[in-house]
Amino acid sequence: MKEKMPTLDRHSPFLTGGSFSCSGRSMNRETGAIAIMTAILLPVIFGFFMLALDFSRIYNRKVEMQTLADAVAIAAAKKLDGTTTGISAALAAAQGVVEDPANGPKYDYLNNITWENAAIKFGASPDSNSGWKSDGEAAASPAGLVFVKVDTGLLSGHYGKVDMFFAPILSSSFSSVETGHITIAGKARLQVTPLAICAMSPTARARRQNANGTQYDELAEYGFRRGVGYNLMNLNPNGPTAMSFQVDPVSLAGGATTNFNQSIYEPYICTGTMAVPKVTGATVAVQSPFPIGTYYSHLNSRFDPYAGTCDVNTSPPDSNVKQYAFAGVSWMSTKATVQVAKTDTSTTAMLQTVAEIGPTNYPTAVDYGALWSFARAVPWSSVADPAAPEPAGGYTSFNATSLIWSKLYGSASTVGTYPSSTPYLTTSGSSYFQTPPTVARRPGAKNRRVLNIPLLSCPVTGSTATVLGIGKFLMTIPADSSAIYAEFGGIATDAQLGGPVEIYQ
């Protein structure tokens, strides 16, 4: 017998919901709870939303103030050179950056800023707490000031002030917030080789008299003549014994003696740099003699040989590695018989070259070495103010003629074909220019062969010495285990020595 299937009564409470009326009441209670929670939390959520808007405006203004301070500090620090002129240039650079209508920093997204010198200070150290001078104080005493401190909070325009939109609802004390930024910047590394020699004279710029006439009187800088080559390892203004020095590359006087260890010292000889903010006029730690036998191959990397000495990435070769050996220089019709000026044997009071003999010049032209590879001699008449640094455009030099050479270097001295500038600065012609032989190391770096050498006040006693100035010397040919053959090209200014500006704070 087939079983009968049950049927569902459409009037059943299951369908009519009669037995489930409690569920409706539960849903009503949940809806009410949500409404209450919404009423409580909505102001809180809205409050956080409002604060997020206000806080984002504070953050953006803080970024604007940091951009302002960084831009001013970097621009100003680039101009510092230890002179009143450098301070003035730094102030002008600061104003120029800020008040550039097209590219200057803004506040509140679109508004221009007016610069005031009250916001900038100058110091000899990046220490943020002491030693900072105002613009007026710095201009009066600029020596050693190579760092800049910019505080946007000192601008009277209150550019860091942010008027709050919603925070005052919570408290009237939140109506505005003052934000700002302090940046300290300066040059952390100088293009100075940590190898020093004695200044041959304590006078920065002196008149070298010439018996052939005052029109041939010549500028001598700390006893050196531009355009003349010297063996930097064979000089001494105070006696017959050669003097040379290592210079602590990472700290001034008082640093650890371990700074002279090869592992520390070697990279700085390779790069030709010192990790100090200022050298000219400073007291430096030294050791004597300079170990030329250890480091001559490092110096020679500037000509492109790398025999496991220097890192080509940090110490590239010069962009012009042409060697100016005395027998082959094309611009000298009368060829020299020595690479650099011959040692003066007429005196034992000092170790100098025949180029320093005067006012009647040493007569043998071939003993002066290769001349004018890097720089031309400068007539004294070009020096308007002996107490002032060389003008930015340089001095007017002697013309390259046989007449002038015969008056400066001996009657038989004659000039051949000489370029419009100087051989080293010429960028074409096989007589003057050669790219690095190794293709992967091209194009090289300009002026790598120019060694910026500290010139010390001598005699030196103990382990410290005073730097009178920085001489520019071009390596005319590679060094060897006893000599660095380099032509003098003048005194470098602090502005020329400066490496990249870095932000300290």
Protein backbone atom coordinates (compact mmCIF):
# COMPACT_ATOMS: atom_id res chain seq x y z
CA MET A 1 0.00 0.00 0.00
CA LYS A 2 1.49 3.42 -1.07
CA GLU A 3 2.13 5.85 1.79
CA LYS A 4 0.40 9.23 1.49
CA MET A 5 2.72 12.29 1.45
CA PRO A 6 1.89 15.06 3.98
CA THR A 7 0.60 18.37 2.71
CA LEU A 8 1.33 21.89 4.00
CA ASP A 9 -1.54 23.92 5.25
CA ARG A 10 -1.31 27.42 3.89
CA HIS A 11 -2.90 28.68 7.10
CA SER A 12 -0.11 27.10 9.11
CA PRO A 13 1.56 29.38 11.68
CA PHE A 14 4.85 28.62 9.97
CA LEU A 15 3.67 30.55 6.93
CA THR A 16 1.69 33.18 8.69
CA GLY A 17 4.52 33.84 11.16
CA GLY A 18 2.23 33.59 14.10
CA SER A 19 4.67 31.54 16.18
CA PHE A 20 7.75 33.74 15.22
CA SER A 21 6.60 37.23 16.18
CA CYS A 22 9.61 37.52 18.66
CA SER A 23 12.05 37.77 15.73
CA GLY A 24 10.52 41.04 14.58
CA ARG A 25 10.93 42.52 18.02
CA SER A 26 14.63 41.44 18.04
CA MET A 27 15.30 43.12 14.71
CA ASN A 28 13.70 46.29 15.94
CA ARG A 29 15.94 46.29 18.99
CA GLU A 30 19.11 45.83 16.82
CA THR A 31 18.07 48.67 14.56
CA GLY A 32 17.68 50.92 17.53
CA ALA A 33 21.08 49.95 18.95
CA ILE A 34 22.77 50.75 15.65
CA ALA A 35 21.06 54.11 15.55
CA ILE A 36 22.27 54.91 19.06
CA MET A 37 25.85 53.81 18.27
CA THR A 38 25.79 55.85 15.07
CA ALA A 39 24.63 58.90 16.96
CA ILE A 40 27.47 58.45 19.44
CA LEU A 41 30.28 57.57 17.00
CA LEU A 42 29.43 59.87 14.13
CA PRO A 43 30.79 63.00 15.85
CA VAL A 44 33.91 61.06 16.81
CA ILE A 45 34.44 59.84 13.26
CA PHE A 46 33.74 63.30 11.91
CA GLY A 47 36.17 64.74 14.45
CA PHE A 48 38.95 62.42 13.35
CA PHE A 49 38.20 63.33 9.76
CA MET A 50 38.46 67.03 10.57
CA LEU A 51 41.68 66.53 12.52
CA ALA A 52 43.13 64.54 9.62
CA LEU A 53 42.53 67.51 7.37
CA ASP A 54 44.14 69.90 9.83
CA PHE A 55 47.08 67.61 10.53
CA SER A 56 47.73 67.10 6.83
CA ARG A 57 47.93 70.88 6.41
CA ILE A 58 50.42 71.08 9.28
CA TYR A 59 52.51 68.33 7.69
CA ASN A 60 52.47 70.02 4.29
CA ARG A 61 53.50 73.35 5.82
CA LYS A 62 56.32 71.62 7.66
CA VAL A 63 57.53 70.20 4.34
CA GLU A 64 57.34 73.66 2.77
CA MET A 65 59.46 75.12 5.57
CA GLN A 66 62.01 72.32 5.23
CA THR A 67 62.21 72.91 1.49
CA LEU A 68 62.74 76.61 2.14
CA ALA A 69 65.47 76.07 4.74
CA ASP A 70 67.28 73.41 2.71
CA ALA A 71 67.28 75.47 -0.48
CA VAL A 72 68.61 78.58 1.26
CA ALA A 73 71.27 76.73 3.26
CA ILE A 74 72.66 74.87 0.25
CA ALA A 75 72.71 77.96 -1.98
CA ALA A 76 74.39 80.10 0.67
CA ALA A 77 76.95 77.49 1.76
CA LYS A 78 78.20 77.16 -1.82
CA LYS A 79 79.34 80.78 -1.76
CA LEU A 80 81.34 80.79 1.47
CA ASP A 81 85.08 81.21 1.04
CA GLY A 82 86.22 82.73 4.31
CA THR A 83 85.97 86.32 3.05
CA THR A 84 83.56 89.22 3.45
CA THR A 85 82.83 88.92 -0.26
CA GLY A 86 81.82 85.31 0.31
CA ILE A 87 79.41 86.32 3.08
CA SER A 88 77.84 88.93 0.79
CA ALA A 89 77.55 86.37 -2.00
CA ALA A 90 75.91 83.89 0.39
CA LEU A 91 73.32 86.46 1.48
CA ALA A 92 72.60 87.37 -2.13
CA ALA A 93 72.24 83.69 -3.04
CA ALA A 94 69.80 83.17 -0.16
CA GLN A 95 67.62 86.04 -1.28
CA GLY A 96 67.85 84.99 -4.90
CA VAL A 97 66.63 81.47 -4.15
CA VAL A 98 63.73 82.58 -1.97
CA GLU A 99 62.47 85.47 -4.07
CA ASP A 100 62.72 83.79 -7.46
CA PRO A 101 59.15 84.39 -8.70
CA ALA A 102 59.08 81.33 -10.92
CA ASN A 103 60.99 78.69 -8.99
CA GLY A 104 61.27 80.03 -5.45
CA PRO A 105 59.83 78.07 -2.50
CA LYS A 106 56.19 78.77 -1.58
CA TYR A 107 54.09 78.58 1.55
CA ASP A 108 50.46 77.52 1.77
CA TYR A 109 50.97 76.00 -1.68
CA LEU A 110 50.91 79.19 -3.76
CA ASN A 111 52.16 82.18 -1.76
CA ASN A 112 55.54 83.85 -2.21
CA ILE A 113 58.04 84.36 0.61
CA THR A 114 60.09 87.46 1.40
CA TRP A 115 63.64 86.76 2.58
CA GLU A 116 65.22 88.35 5.67
CA ASN A 117 68.87 87.95 6.68
CA ALA A 118 67.80 87.53 10.29
CA ALA A 119 66.99 83.91 9.44
CA ILE A 120 70.56 82.96 8.53
CA LYS A 121 73.66 82.45 10.67
CA PHE A 122 77.26 81.51 9.84
CA GLY A 123 79.65 79.26 11.74
CA ALA A 124 82.96 77.44 11.68
CA SER A 125 81.40 74.18 12.84
CA PRO A 126 78.12 72.33 12.20
CA ASP A 127 77.50 72.26 15.95
CA SER A 128 73.94 73.54 16.24
CA ASN A 129 74.30 74.97 19.74
CA SER A 130 77.07 77.56 19.68
CA GLY A 131 79.43 79.73 17.67
CA TRP A 132 76.93 81.07 15.15
CA LYS A 133 77.28 84.64 13.88
CA SER A 134 74.72 86.99 12.38
CA ASP A 135 75.23 88.37 8.89
CA GLY A 136 76.79 91.55 10.27
CA GLU A 137 79.12 89.69 12.63
CA ALA A 138 80.11 87.28 9.87
CA ALA A 139 80.91 90.08 7.44
CA ALA A 140 83.14 91.72 10.05
CA SER A 141 84.97 88.48 10.88
CA PRO A 142 84.48 85.95 8.05
CA ALA A 143 87.60 83.80 8.46
CA GLY A 144 86.79 80.14 9.01
CA LEU A 145 83.05 80.49 8.51
CA VAL A 146 82.12 77.65 6.17
CA PHE A 147 78.75 76.51 7.55
CA VAL A 148 75.28 78.01 7.26
CA LYS A 149 72.34 77.70 9.64
CA VAL A 150 68.87 78.69 8.42
CA ASP A 151 65.91 78.95 10.82
CA THR A 152 62.58 79.67 9.11
CA GLY A 153 61.06 80.53 12.48
CA LEU A 154 63.09 83.75 12.49
CA LEU A 155 61.31 85.13 9.44
CA SER A 156 58.90 87.83 10.56
CA GLY A 157 56.30 86.75 8.03
CA HIS A 158 55.42 83.71 10.19
CA TYR A 159 55.26 81.59 7.07
CA GLY A 160 55.09 78.46 9.16
CA LYS A 161 51.85 79.48 10.89
CA VAL A 162 48.88 77.26 10.01
CA ASP A 163 45.36 78.47 10.84
CA MET A 164 43.33 75.42 11.80
CA PHE A 165 39.90 74.81 10.29
CA PHE A 166 38.33 72.29 12.64
CA ALA A 167 40.60 71.89 15.66
CA PRO A 168 39.26 75.08 17.35
CA ILE A 169 35.95 73.26 17.77
CA LEU A 170 37.68 71.17 20.41
CA SER A 171 39.50 74.10 22.01
CA SER A 172 40.21 77.72 21.13
CA SER A 173 43.87 77.07 21.99
CA PHE A 174 44.05 74.98 18.83
CA SER A 175 43.20 77.90 16.54
CA SER A 176 46.67 77.89 14.95
CA VAL A 177 49.94 75.97 14.97
CA GLU A 178 53.43 77.43 14.33
CA THR A 179 55.77 75.16 12.41
CA GLY A 180 59.29 75.69 11.07
CA HIS A 181 62.57 74.05 10.18
CA ILE A 182 66.27 74.51 10.89
CA THR A 183 68.86 73.39 8.33
CA ILE A 184 72.64 73.38 8.75
CA ALA A 185 74.73 72.94 5.61
CA GLY A 186 78.37 73.20 4.62
CA LYS A 187 81.18 71.68 2.61
CA ALA A 188 82.27 68.46 4.25
CA ARG A 189 85.11 67.64 1.88
CA LEU A 190 87.72 69.79 0.18
CA GLN A 191 89.62 69.18 -3.04
CA VAL A 192 92.96 69.31 -1.22
CA THR A 193 95.58 66.56 -1.47
CA PRO A 194 96.80 65.57 2.03
CA LEU A 195 100.41 66.12 1.01
CA ALA A 196 102.16 69.32 2.10
CA ILE A 197 105.37 71.18 1.34
CA CYS A 198 106.90 74.31 2.79
CA ALA A 199 106.00 77.69 1.37
CA MET A 200 109.24 79.00 -0.12
CA SER A 201 108.31 82.48 1.14
CA PRO A 202 105.80 83.61 3.78
CA THR A 203 104.44 86.30 1.43
CA ALA A 204 101.29 85.41 -0.49
CA ARG A 205 101.94 87.78 -3.41
CA ALA A 206 105.34 89.40 -3.90
CA ARG A 207 107.13 91.27 -6.65
CA ARG A 208 109.96 89.30 -8.23
CA GLN A 209 112.28 91.92 -9.64
CA ASN A 210 113.87 91.37 -13.04
CA ALA A 211 117.10 93.05 -14.06
CA ASN A 212 115.86 93.22 -17.67
CA GLY A 213 113.31 95.91 -16.77
CA THR A 214 110.33 96.53 -14.51
CA GLN A 215 107.96 95.43 -17.28
CA TYR A 216 109.31 91.93 -16.68
CA ASP A 217 108.85 92.03 -12.92
CA GLU A 218 106.81 88.98 -12.06
CA LEU A 219 104.27 87.78 -9.52
CA ALA A 220 105.66 85.22 -7.07
CA GLU A 221 103.22 83.46 -4.74
CA TYR A 222 104.68 82.08 -1.54
CA GLY A 223 107.97 82.00 -3.43
CA PHE A 224 106.69 80.02 -6.45
CA ARG A 225 106.58 81.23 -10.06
CA ARG A 226 103.67 80.34 -12.29
CA GLY A 227 104.58 78.24 -15.30
CA VAL A 228 107.72 76.80 -13.67
CA GLY A 229 108.03 73.11 -12.74
CA TYR A 230 109.24 71.87 -9.35
CA ASN A 231 110.11 68.54 -7.78
CA LEU A 232 107.79 68.80 -4.79
CA MET A 233 109.92 66.32 -2.89
CA ASN A 234 113.07 68.45 -3.10
CA LEU A 235 112.34 71.87 -1.58
CA ASN A 236 113.09 73.63 1.70
CA PRO A 237 113.23 77.39 2.39
CA ASN A 238 115.23 76.95 5.59
CA GLY A 239 118.04 74.53 4.80
CA PRO A 240 119.59 72.07 2.35
CA THR A 241 117.52 69.04 3.43
CA ALA A 242 114.30 68.30 1.52
CA MET A 243 111.09 68.66 3.52
CA SER A 244 107.70 67.17 2.76
CA PHE A 245 104.75 66.16 4.91
CA GLN A 246 101.74 63.94 5.22
CA VAL A 247 98.65 65.81 6.40
CA ASP A 248 95.92 64.22 8.50
CA PRO A 249 93.10 63.92 5.92
CA VAL A 250 90.14 63.54 8.28
CA SER A 251 90.71 65.96 11.15
CA LEU A 252 92.64 69.09 12.01
CA ALA A 253 95.28 69.28 14.73
CA GLY A 254 94.51 66.96 17.62
CA GLY A 255 93.26 64.00 15.60
CA ALA A 256 94.31 60.41 16.12
CA THR A 257 97.72 59.42 14.78
CA THR A 258 96.06 56.35 13.29
CA ASN A 259 94.67 58.67 10.60
CA PHE A 260 98.09 58.34 8.94
CA ASN A 261 97.73 54.56 8.66
CA GLN A 262 97.73 53.48 5.05
CA SER A 263 94.25 51.98 5.22
CA ILE A 264 92.84 55.39 6.15
CA TYR A 265 95.26 57.70 4.34
CA GLU A 266 95.46 55.94 0.99
CA PRO A 267 91.93 56.70 -0.31
CA TYR A 268 92.47 60.42 0.28
CA ILE A 269 95.70 60.43 -1.72
CA CYS A 270 93.78 58.68 -4.49
CA THR A 271 90.89 61.15 -4.52
CA GLY A 272 92.97 64.23 -3.73
CA THR A 273 90.58 65.26 -0.98
CA MET A 274 90.45 65.96 2.73
CA ALA A 275 87.38 65.41 4.91
CA VAL A 276 87.64 68.73 6.75
CA PRO A 277 85.69 71.97 6.23
CA LYS A 278 88.67 74.33 5.91
CA VAL A 279 92.44 74.10 5.44
CA THR A 280 93.73 77.57 4.53
CA GLY A 281 94.82 79.31 7.71
CA ALA A 282 94.16 76.21 9.79
CA THR A 283 96.51 74.27 12.03
CA VAL A 284 96.86 70.74 10.70
CA ALA A 285 98.42 67.55 12.00
CA VAL A 286 101.46 66.46 9.98
CA GLN A 287 104.10 63.76 9.73
CA SER A 288 107.39 64.09 7.88
CA PRO A 289 108.50 63.04 5.36
CA PHE A 290 105.80 62.20 2.85
CA PRO A 291 106.44 58.53 1.92
CA ILE A 292 106.66 59.06 -1.82
CA GLY A 293 107.87 55.49 -2.38
CA THR A 294 104.59 54.17 -0.98
CA TYR A 295 102.18 56.52 -2.71
CA TYR A 296 103.63 57.64 -6.05
CA SER A 297 101.68 54.94 -7.90
CA HIS A 298 98.48 56.20 -6.29
CA LEU A 299 99.19 59.69 -7.56
CA ASN A 300 99.87 58.28 -11.01
CA SER A 301 96.36 56.86 -11.30
CA ARG A 302 95.51 60.31 -12.62
CA PHE A 303 97.29 59.27 -15.84
CA ASP A 304 95.15 56.09 -16.07
CA PRO A 305 97.37 53.27 -14.74
CA TYR A 306 95.57 51.42 -11.93
CA ALA A 307 97.84 48.79 -10.43
CA GLY A 308 95.59 47.75 -7.59
CA THR A 309 95.98 51.14 -5.95
CA CYS A 310 92.95 53.38 -6.40
CA ASP A 311 89.25 52.84 -7.08
CA VAL A 312 88.50 54.17 -10.55
CA ASN A 313 84.93 54.99 -9.50
CA THR A 314 86.02 57.44 -6.82
CA SER A 315 89.40 58.33 -8.34
CA PRO A 316 88.99 58.54 -12.12
CA PRO A 317 91.85 59.49 -14.43
CA ASP A 318 92.20 63.01 -15.70
CA SER A 319 90.25 63.84 -18.85
CA ASN A 320 93.59 64.91 -20.35
CA VAL A 321 96.41 62.45 -19.64
CA LYS A 322 98.89 63.91 -22.13
CA GLN A 323 102.36 63.82 -20.61
CA TYR A 324 104.49 66.92 -21.11
CA ALA A 325 107.96 65.40 -21.06
CA PHE A 326 110.65 68.06 -21.45
CA ALA A 327 112.20 66.62 -24.62
CA GLY A 328 108.94 66.50 -26.55
CA VAL A 329 106.95 69.62 -25.72
CA SER A 330 106.08 71.21 -29.04
CA TRP A 331 105.71 74.79 -27.82
CA MET A 332 109.35 75.09 -26.69
CA SER A 333 111.72 75.67 -29.58
CA THR A 334 114.67 75.55 -27.21
CA LYS A 335 114.16 72.18 -25.52
CA ALA A 336 114.92 71.82 -21.84
CA THR A 337 117.34 69.18 -20.63
CA VAL A 338 115.48 68.56 -17.35
CA GLN A 339 111.82 68.00 -16.53
CA VAL A 340 111.58 70.63 -13.80
CA ALA A 341 113.78 73.56 -12.84
CA LYS A 342 117.23 72.43 -11.83
CA THR A 343 118.30 72.63 -8.20
CA ASP A 344 120.23 75.77 -7.30
CA THR A 345 123.65 74.59 -6.13
CA SER A 346 124.97 78.08 -5.41
CA THR A 347 123.56 78.13 -1.89
CA THR A 348 123.19 75.77 1.05
CA ALA A 349 120.99 78.13 3.03
CA MET A 350 117.92 76.75 1.30
CA LEU A 351 116.90 74.07 -1.16
CA GLN A 352 115.47 75.94 -4.13
CA THR A 353 115.63 75.86 -7.93
CA VAL A 354 117.52 78.03 -10.40
CA ALA A 355 114.19 79.71 -11.24
CA GLU A 356 114.33 81.51 -7.89
CA ILE A 357 117.69 83.16 -8.61
CA GLY A 358 117.35 86.87 -9.31
CA PRO A 359 116.93 89.72 -10.01
CA THR A 360 119.54 88.78 -12.63
CA ASN A 361 118.07 85.58 -14.03
CA TYR A 362 119.93 82.31 -14.08
CA PRO A 363 121.22 82.37 -17.69
CA THR A 364 120.98 78.75 -18.87
CA ALA A 365 117.56 78.39 -20.53
CA VAL A 366 117.63 74.59 -20.82
CA ASP A 367 117.87 74.24 -17.01
CA TYR A 368 114.43 75.72 -16.37
CA GLY A 369 112.61 72.54 -17.40
CA ALA A 370 109.33 72.30 -19.29
CA LEU A 371 107.56 75.67 -19.05
CA TRP A 372 103.98 76.92 -19.28
CA SER A 373 102.27 73.53 -19.60
CA PHE A 374 99.59 74.61 -17.14
CA ALA A 375 99.94 78.32 -16.50
CA ARG A 376 101.60 81.41 -17.90
CA ALA A 377 103.75 83.72 -15.83
CA VAL A 378 101.99 86.84 -14.53
CA PRO A 379 103.49 90.34 -14.74
CA TRP A 380 103.52 92.23 -11.45
CA SER A 381 101.69 95.08 -13.17
CA SER A 382 98.61 92.83 -13.35
CA VAL A 383 98.34 92.65 -9.57
CA ALA A 384 96.16 95.60 -8.59
CA ASP A 385 96.10 94.80 -4.88
CA PRO A 386 98.74 92.45 -3.44
CA ALA A 387 96.68 92.06 -0.27
CA ALA A 388 93.61 90.80 -2.13
CA PRO A 389 93.00 87.31 -3.55
CA GLU A 390 93.24 86.78 -7.29
CA PRO A 391 90.16 88.18 -9.09
CA ALA A 392 87.55 85.68 -10.23
CA GLY A 393 88.56 86.24 -13.84
CA GLY A 394 92.24 85.70 -13.06
CA TYR A 395 95.26 87.91 -13.65
CA THR A 396 96.35 89.09 -17.09
CA SER A 397 99.35 86.96 -17.97
CA PHE A 398 102.42 87.51 -20.13
CA ASN A 399 102.10 86.84 -23.85
CA ALA A 400 103.76 83.68 -25.16
CA THR A 401 106.61 85.23 -27.17
CA SER A 402 110.30 84.43 -27.46
CA LEU A 403 111.15 87.98 -26.39
CA ILE A 404 109.35 87.59 -23.09
CA TRP A 405 110.73 84.12 -22.46
CA SER A 406 114.26 85.35 -23.12
CA LYS A 407 113.75 88.02 -20.47
CA LEU A 408 112.22 85.63 -17.94
CA TYR A 409 114.18 82.39 -18.39
CA GLY A 410 117.48 83.08 -20.13
CA SER A 411 118.41 84.68 -23.42
CA ALA A 412 118.31 81.40 -25.38
CA SER A 413 114.74 80.56 -24.33
CA THR A 414 112.37 80.55 -27.33
CA VAL A 415 108.71 79.74 -27.89
CA GLY A 416 107.34 77.59 -30.69
CA THR A 417 103.64 77.15 -31.46
CA TYR A 418 101.74 77.96 -28.28
CA PRO A 419 97.94 77.57 -27.90
CA SER A 420 95.58 80.43 -27.09
CA SER A 421 95.16 79.28 -23.48
CA THR A 422 97.70 76.75 -22.14
CA PRO A 423 98.55 73.23 -23.37
CA TYR A 424 96.84 71.39 -20.51
CA LEU A 425 93.65 73.42 -20.85
CA THR A 426 93.48 72.77 -24.59
CA THR A 427 90.99 70.05 -25.49
CA SER A 428 92.29 69.08 -28.93
CA GLY A 429 95.56 68.53 -30.75
CA SER A 430 97.85 65.59 -30.09
CA SER A 431 100.61 67.89 -28.83
CA TYR A 432 98.41 69.06 -25.97
CA PHE A 433 95.58 66.61 -25.36
CA GLN A 434 95.05 62.88 -24.93
CA THR A 435 92.03 61.01 -23.60
CA PRO A 436 92.53 58.19 -21.07
CA PRO A 437 93.82 55.08 -22.90
CA THR A 438 91.31 52.76 -21.25
CA VAL A 439 87.99 53.24 -23.03
CA ALA A 440 85.94 52.17 -20.01
CA ARG A 441 87.50 54.98 -17.96
CA ARG A 442 86.67 57.76 -20.39
CA PRO A 443 85.99 60.63 -20.37
CA GLY A 444 87.81 61.02 -17.04
CA ALA A 445 87.57 64.05 -14.79
CA LYS A 446 88.89 67.53 -15.46
CA ASN A 447 91.75 68.78 -13.27
CA ARG A 448 92.50 65.43 -11.65
CA ARG A 449 96.21 65.99 -12.38
CA VAL A 450 96.07 69.30 -10.55
CA LEU A 451 97.23 68.66 -6.99
CA ASN A 452 96.00 71.27 -4.53
CA ILE A 453 98.89 71.21 -2.07
CA PRO A 454 98.95 72.85 1.39
CA LEU A 455 101.85 75.29 1.69
CA LEU A 456 103.07 75.30 5.28
CA SER A 457 104.69 77.94 7.39
CA CYS A 458 108.17 76.53 7.95
CA PRO A 459 110.18 75.45 9.81
CA VAL A 460 107.73 72.98 11.31
CA THR A 461 108.35 71.81 14.85
CA GLY A 462 106.40 68.98 16.38
CA SER A 463 103.40 67.35 14.79
CA THR A 464 101.35 70.41 13.78
CA ALA A 465 101.78 73.12 11.17
CA THR A 466 99.97 76.21 9.91
CA VAL A 467 98.71 76.26 6.33
CA LEU A 468 99.47 79.59 4.65
CA GLY A 469 97.77 78.79 1.38
CA ILE A 470 96.95 76.08 -1.14
CA GLY A 471 99.15 75.86 -4.22
CA LYS A 472 97.88 74.44 -7.51
CA PHE A 473 100.42 72.10 -9.10
CA LEU A 474 99.92 70.19 -12.36
CA MET A 475 101.60 66.79 -12.59
CA THR A 476 103.34 67.22 -15.95
CA ILE A 477 104.50 63.58 -16.06
CA PRO A 478 103.93 60.64 -13.69
CA ALA A 479 105.70 60.69 -10.35
CA ASP A 480 108.37 58.18 -9.39
CA SER A 481 109.73 56.86 -6.11
CA SER A 482 111.72 60.03 -5.43
CA ALA A 483 109.96 62.88 -7.21
CA ILE A 484 106.65 64.55 -8.01
CA TYR A 485 107.14 66.63 -11.17
CA ALA A 486 104.61 69.44 -11.01
CA GLU A 487 104.19 72.90 -12.48
CA PHE A 488 102.94 75.73 -10.29
CA GLY A 489 99.71 77.38 -11.44
CA GLY A 490 98.80 79.80 -8.67
CA ILE A 491 97.03 79.84 -5.32
CA ALA A 492 93.61 78.23 -4.98
CA THR A 493 90.83 80.11 -3.22
CA ASP A 494 88.55 78.44 -0.70
CA ALA A 495 85.71 78.69 -3.20
CA GLN A 496 87.74 76.73 -5.76
CA LEU A 497 88.61 74.04 -3.23
CA GLY A 498 85.11 73.34 -2.03
CA GLY A 499 83.57 69.96 -2.62
CA PRO A 500 79.81 69.33 -2.66
CA VAL A 501 77.69 71.00 0.01
CA GLU A 502 76.09 68.58 2.44
CA ILE A 503 73.22 68.98 4.89
CA TYR A 504 74.18 68.24 8.49
CA GLN A 505 70.79 68.88 10.07
